[in-house]
Amino acid sequence: MGQAKQRGTQEQRIAQAQAKIEALRPEKLVCGACKTAFTDFDSMDTRNMRGINAAFGGHCPACGETVLAFSGEADAVADAMIAWQDAMGSEAKIGSQSRDGQHVPFDGE
C-alpha cells in the first residue's frame, strides 16, 4: 500500500492538512505600516514553498497595505519575505509577530 493511502483517504488527508494550517493561523495580523490589528485575512497556498508551513495574508483596513505572515523555518521565512519584497518592487516593513499579534519591527541588525 502506498504512503498516501496509509494516511487515509484523499478527503481525510485534505482535512488533516487544513487542520494543520488552521492550528498555525494567528488570531490577528498587525500592519507593519500603521500597526492596525485585523482578523479578516486568508490562508495562502504554500505547496511549492520549501520550509514554509503556512502563510496568511490580507489588506490592512486602515491604510490598505498588503500584510503577510509566514510560518516555518527561519531561513525559509526570511527568503519568502525578501522574495515578496522584490516582487512588489518596494521596501516592505518586515517584522515578526507572535501568535497573539505582538508585532516587533525588524531593524536589520
N, C-alpha and C. Protein backbone atom coordinates (compact mmCIF):
# COMPACT_ATOMS: atom_id res chain seq x y z
N MET A 1 0.85 -1.17 0.00
CA MET A 1 0.00 0.00 0.00
C MET A 1 0.89 1.24 0.00
N GLY A 2 0.51 2.23 -0.77
CA GLY A 2 1.29 3.47 -0.87
C GLY A 2 1.24 4.29 0.40
N GLN A 3 2.24 5.17 0.56
CA GLN A 3 2.33 6.03 1.75
C GLN A 3 1.06 6.86 1.95
N ALA A 4 0.57 7.46 0.86
CA ALA A 4 -0.61 8.32 0.97
C ALA A 4 -1.82 7.53 1.47
N LYS A 5 -2.02 6.34 0.93
CA LYS A 5 -3.17 5.53 1.33
C LYS A 5 -3.07 5.10 2.79
N GLN A 6 -1.86 4.96 3.30
CA GLN A 6 -1.69 4.60 4.70
C GLN A 6 -2.12 5.73 5.62
N ARG A 7 -2.12 6.96 5.12
CA ARG A 7 -2.52 8.12 5.92
C ARG A 7 -4.02 8.41 5.80
N GLY A 8 -4.75 7.62 5.04
CA GLY A 8 -6.19 7.81 4.94
C GLY A 8 -6.62 8.12 3.52
N THR A 9 -7.92 8.35 3.37
CA THR A 9 -8.47 8.69 2.06
C THR A 9 -8.02 10.09 1.68
N GLN A 10 -8.24 10.45 0.43
CA GLN A 10 -7.88 11.80 -0.02
C GLN A 10 -8.61 12.86 0.81
N GLU A 11 -9.88 12.63 1.09
CA GLU A 11 -10.65 13.58 1.88
C GLU A 11 -10.08 13.71 3.29
N GLN A 12 -9.66 12.59 3.89
CA GLN A 12 -9.07 12.62 5.22
C GLN A 12 -7.74 13.38 5.21
N ARG A 13 -6.93 13.15 4.18
CA ARG A 13 -5.63 13.84 4.09
C ARG A 13 -5.82 15.34 3.90
N ILE A 14 -6.82 15.74 3.10
CA ILE A 14 -7.12 17.16 2.90
C ILE A 14 -7.56 17.78 4.23
N ALA A 15 -8.43 17.09 4.96
CA ALA A 15 -8.90 17.59 6.25
C ALA A 15 -7.74 17.72 7.24
N GLN A 16 -6.82 16.76 7.24
CA GLN A 16 -5.65 16.82 8.12
C GLN A 16 -4.77 18.02 7.78
N ALA A 17 -4.56 18.26 6.49
CA ALA A 17 -3.73 19.39 6.05
C ALA A 17 -4.38 20.71 6.44
N GLN A 18 -5.70 20.81 6.26
CA GLN A 18 -6.41 22.04 6.62
C GLN A 18 -6.37 22.29 8.12
N ALA A 19 -6.49 21.23 8.91
CA ALA A 19 -6.43 21.37 10.37
C ALA A 19 -5.04 21.83 10.82
N LYS A 20 -4.01 21.32 10.15
CA LYS A 20 -2.63 21.71 10.48
C LYS A 20 -2.42 23.21 10.21
N ILE A 21 -2.94 23.69 9.08
CA ILE A 21 -2.81 25.11 8.74
C ILE A 21 -3.61 25.97 9.71
N GLU A 22 -4.82 25.55 10.05
CA GLU A 22 -5.64 26.33 10.99
C GLU A 22 -4.98 26.42 12.36
N ALA A 23 -4.26 25.37 12.76
CA ALA A 23 -3.56 25.39 14.05
C ALA A 23 -2.45 26.43 14.07
N LEU A 24 -1.90 26.76 12.90
CA LEU A 24 -0.83 27.76 12.79
C LEU A 24 -1.36 29.18 12.56
N ARG A 25 -2.65 29.30 12.31
CA ARG A 25 -3.25 30.60 11.99
C ARG A 25 -3.18 31.54 13.19
N PRO A 26 -2.60 32.74 13.02
CA PRO A 26 -2.58 33.70 14.13
C PRO A 26 -3.99 34.25 14.35
N GLU A 27 -4.26 34.71 15.56
CA GLU A 27 -5.60 35.25 15.82
C GLU A 27 -5.81 36.59 15.12
N LYS A 28 -4.72 37.30 14.81
CA LYS A 28 -4.82 38.57 14.08
C LYS A 28 -3.50 38.84 13.38
N LEU A 29 -3.56 39.69 12.35
CA LEU A 29 -2.36 40.21 11.71
C LEU A 29 -2.22 41.67 12.13
N VAL A 30 -0.99 42.14 12.19
CA VAL A 30 -0.72 43.53 12.55
C VAL A 30 0.02 44.18 11.39
N CYS A 31 -0.51 45.28 10.89
CA CYS A 31 0.10 46.01 9.78
C CYS A 31 1.43 46.60 10.23
N GLY A 32 2.47 46.36 9.43
CA GLY A 32 3.78 46.92 9.74
C GLY A 32 3.85 48.42 9.50
N ALA A 33 2.95 48.95 8.68
CA ALA A 33 2.97 50.38 8.36
C ALA A 33 2.27 51.23 9.42
N CYS A 34 1.05 50.84 9.79
CA CYS A 34 0.27 51.69 10.71
C CYS A 34 -0.05 51.01 12.04
N LYS A 35 0.38 49.76 12.20
CA LYS A 35 0.20 48.99 13.44
C LYS A 35 -1.24 48.62 13.75
N THR A 36 -2.13 48.70 12.77
CA THR A 36 -3.51 48.28 12.97
C THR A 36 -3.58 46.76 12.99
N ALA A 37 -4.28 46.20 13.97
CA ALA A 37 -4.50 44.76 14.04
C ALA A 37 -5.84 44.45 13.38
N PHE A 38 -5.90 43.35 12.63
CA PHE A 38 -7.15 42.95 11.99
C PHE A 38 -7.24 41.44 11.91
N THR A 39 -8.46 40.94 11.82
CA THR A 39 -8.70 39.49 11.84
C THR A 39 -9.25 38.94 10.53
N ASP A 40 -9.55 39.80 9.57
CA ASP A 40 -10.10 39.36 8.29
C ASP A 40 -8.97 39.15 7.29
N PHE A 41 -8.45 37.92 7.22
CA PHE A 41 -7.36 37.59 6.30
C PHE A 41 -7.49 36.13 5.88
N ASP A 42 -6.78 35.77 4.82
CA ASP A 42 -6.90 34.44 4.23
C ASP A 42 -5.62 33.64 4.38
N SER A 43 -5.76 32.31 4.32
CA SER A 43 -4.57 31.46 4.24
C SER A 43 -4.13 31.42 2.78
N MET A 44 -2.84 31.21 2.56
CA MET A 44 -2.27 31.21 1.21
C MET A 44 -1.70 29.82 0.90
N ASP A 45 -1.66 29.48 -0.37
CA ASP A 45 -1.13 28.20 -0.82
C ASP A 45 0.39 28.20 -0.67
N THR A 46 0.93 27.24 0.06
CA THR A 46 2.38 27.16 0.29
C THR A 46 2.98 25.86 -0.24
N ARG A 47 2.26 25.17 -1.11
CA ARG A 47 2.72 23.84 -1.56
C ARG A 47 4.11 23.84 -2.18
N ASN A 48 4.51 24.85 -2.90
CA ASN A 48 5.83 24.87 -3.53
C ASN A 48 6.81 25.79 -2.81
N MET A 49 6.54 26.07 -1.56
CA MET A 49 7.41 26.95 -0.77
C MET A 49 8.12 26.10 0.28
N ARG A 50 9.27 25.57 -0.10
CA ARG A 50 10.03 24.69 0.79
C ARG A 50 10.36 25.40 2.10
N GLY A 51 10.07 24.74 3.22
CA GLY A 51 10.37 25.29 4.54
C GLY A 51 9.29 26.19 5.11
N ILE A 52 8.26 26.49 4.32
CA ILE A 52 7.14 27.32 4.79
C ILE A 52 5.99 26.38 5.15
N ASN A 53 5.55 26.43 6.40
CA ASN A 53 4.46 25.57 6.86
C ASN A 53 3.09 26.17 6.58
N ALA A 54 3.00 27.48 6.68
CA ALA A 54 1.73 28.17 6.44
C ALA A 54 2.01 29.63 6.13
N ALA A 55 1.09 30.25 5.41
CA ALA A 55 1.20 31.68 5.10
C ALA A 55 -0.21 32.26 5.11
N PHE A 56 -0.30 33.49 5.57
CA PHE A 56 -1.58 34.18 5.66
C PHE A 56 -1.40 35.60 5.15
N GLY A 57 -2.44 36.15 4.56
CA GLY A 57 -2.33 37.50 4.03
C GLY A 57 -3.66 38.20 3.93
N GLY A 58 -3.59 39.52 3.96
CA GLY A 58 -4.78 40.34 3.82
C GLY A 58 -4.38 41.79 3.61
N HIS A 59 -5.38 42.64 3.49
CA HIS A 59 -5.13 44.07 3.33
C HIS A 59 -5.54 44.79 4.60
N CYS A 60 -4.67 45.67 5.05
CA CYS A 60 -4.95 46.45 6.25
C CYS A 60 -6.20 47.30 6.02
N PRO A 61 -7.20 47.21 6.90
CA PRO A 61 -8.41 48.00 6.71
C PRO A 61 -8.19 49.50 6.95
N ALA A 62 -7.11 49.86 7.63
CA ALA A 62 -6.86 51.27 7.92
C ALA A 62 -6.08 51.98 6.82
N CYS A 63 -5.01 51.33 6.31
CA CYS A 63 -4.16 52.03 5.34
C CYS A 63 -4.07 51.33 3.98
N GLY A 64 -4.63 50.13 3.86
CA GLY A 64 -4.64 49.43 2.57
C GLY A 64 -3.39 48.65 2.23
N GLU A 65 -2.38 48.67 3.10
CA GLU A 65 -1.15 47.91 2.85
C GLU A 65 -1.44 46.41 2.81
N THR A 66 -0.70 45.68 1.99
CA THR A 66 -0.76 44.23 2.00
C THR A 66 0.04 43.73 3.19
N VAL A 67 -0.56 42.84 3.97
CA VAL A 67 0.09 42.30 5.16
C VAL A 67 0.19 40.79 5.00
N LEU A 68 1.39 40.25 5.18
CA LEU A 68 1.63 38.82 5.07
C LEU A 68 2.25 38.29 6.34
N ALA A 69 1.95 37.04 6.65
CA ALA A 69 2.60 36.34 7.76
C ALA A 69 2.98 34.96 7.27
N PHE A 70 4.25 34.60 7.47
CA PHE A 70 4.75 33.28 7.09
C PHE A 70 5.14 32.53 8.35
N SER A 71 4.89 31.22 8.37
CA SER A 71 5.30 30.37 9.48
C SER A 71 6.13 29.24 8.90
N GLY A 72 7.29 28.99 9.49
CA GLY A 72 8.15 27.92 9.01
C GLY A 72 9.57 28.08 9.49
N GLU A 73 10.49 27.45 8.77
CA GLU A 73 11.90 27.53 9.12
C GLU A 73 12.38 28.98 8.93
N ALA A 74 13.23 29.44 9.85
CA ALA A 74 13.65 30.85 9.86
C ALA A 74 14.24 31.29 8.53
N ASP A 75 15.13 30.50 7.94
CA ASP A 75 15.74 30.89 6.66
C ASP A 75 14.71 30.94 5.54
N ALA A 76 13.77 29.99 5.54
CA ALA A 76 12.74 29.96 4.51
C ALA A 76 11.81 31.17 4.64
N VAL A 77 11.48 31.53 5.87
CA VAL A 77 10.62 32.70 6.10
C VAL A 77 11.34 33.97 5.63
N ALA A 78 12.61 34.10 5.96
CA ALA A 78 13.39 35.28 5.53
C ALA A 78 13.45 35.35 4.01
N ASP A 79 13.71 34.21 3.36
CA ASP A 79 13.76 34.18 1.89
C ASP A 79 12.42 34.55 1.28
N ALA A 80 11.32 34.05 1.86
CA ALA A 80 9.99 34.36 1.34
C ALA A 80 9.68 35.85 1.46
N MET A 81 10.06 36.45 2.57
CA MET A 81 9.80 37.88 2.75
C MET A 81 10.61 38.72 1.77
N ILE A 82 11.86 38.35 1.54
CA ILE A 82 12.69 39.08 0.58
C ILE A 82 12.14 38.91 -0.83
N ALA A 83 11.71 37.69 -1.17
CA ALA A 83 11.13 37.44 -2.50
C ALA A 83 9.86 38.27 -2.68
N TRP A 84 9.02 38.34 -1.65
CA TRP A 84 7.79 39.14 -1.73
C TRP A 84 8.12 40.61 -1.92
N GLN A 85 9.09 41.10 -1.17
CA GLN A 85 9.50 42.50 -1.28
C GLN A 85 10.01 42.79 -2.69
N ASP A 86 10.83 41.89 -3.25
CA ASP A 86 11.34 42.07 -4.61
C ASP A 86 10.20 42.06 -5.63
N ALA A 87 9.24 41.16 -5.44
CA ALA A 87 8.11 41.05 -6.37
C ALA A 87 7.25 42.31 -6.35
N MET A 88 7.11 42.91 -5.17
CA MET A 88 6.29 44.11 -5.03
C MET A 88 7.02 45.36 -5.52
N GLY A 89 8.35 45.28 -5.61
CA GLY A 89 9.12 46.42 -6.10
C GLY A 89 9.21 47.58 -5.12
N SER A 90 9.01 47.29 -3.85
CA SER A 90 9.12 48.35 -2.85
C SER A 90 9.67 47.77 -1.56
N GLU A 91 10.09 48.64 -0.69
CA GLU A 91 10.64 48.20 0.59
C GLU A 91 9.51 47.83 1.53
N ALA A 92 9.52 46.59 1.98
CA ALA A 92 8.49 46.12 2.91
C ALA A 92 8.84 46.54 4.33
N LYS A 93 7.84 46.59 5.16
CA LYS A 93 8.03 46.86 6.59
C LYS A 93 8.04 45.52 7.29
N ILE A 94 9.22 44.87 7.29
CA ILE A 94 9.35 43.50 7.77
C ILE A 94 9.49 43.48 9.29
N GLY A 95 8.83 42.51 9.90
CA GLY A 95 8.92 42.32 11.34
C GLY A 95 8.49 40.91 11.69
N SER A 96 8.47 40.62 12.96
CA SER A 96 7.97 39.32 13.40
C SER A 96 6.73 39.56 14.25
N GLN A 97 5.95 38.50 14.38
CA GLN A 97 4.70 38.62 15.11
C GLN A 97 4.46 37.35 15.89
N SER A 98 4.09 37.49 17.16
CA SER A 98 3.73 36.33 17.97
C SER A 98 2.33 35.88 17.59
N ARG A 99 1.95 34.70 18.06
CA ARG A 99 0.62 34.18 17.72
C ARG A 99 -0.50 35.08 18.24
N ASP A 100 -0.24 35.83 19.31
CA ASP A 100 -1.28 36.71 19.84
C ASP A 100 -1.28 38.10 19.23
N GLY A 101 -0.40 38.32 18.23
CA GLY A 101 -0.43 39.58 17.49
C GLY A 101 0.57 40.62 17.92
N GLN A 102 1.49 40.28 18.79
CA GLN A 102 2.53 41.24 19.19
C GLN A 102 3.49 41.42 18.03
N HIS A 103 3.60 42.63 17.49
CA HIS A 103 4.43 42.92 16.32
C HIS A 103 5.74 43.55 16.75
N VAL A 104 6.86 43.02 16.22
CA VAL A 104 8.19 43.56 16.50
C VAL A 104 8.86 43.88 15.17
N PRO A 105 9.10 45.15 14.86
CA PRO A 105 9.75 45.51 13.59
C PRO A 105 11.16 44.93 13.51
N PHE A 106 11.57 44.54 12.32
CA PHE A 106 12.92 44.05 12.07
C PHE A 106 13.80 45.26 11.81
N ASP A 107 14.89 45.38 12.58
CA ASP A 107 15.75 46.55 12.41
C ASP A 107 16.99 46.28 11.58
N GLY A 108 17.20 45.03 11.14
CA GLY A 108 18.31 44.71 10.25
C GLY A 108 19.65 44.57 10.94
N GLU A 109 19.69 44.59 12.24
CA GLU A 109 20.97 44.47 12.95
C GLU A 109 21.06 43.16 13.67
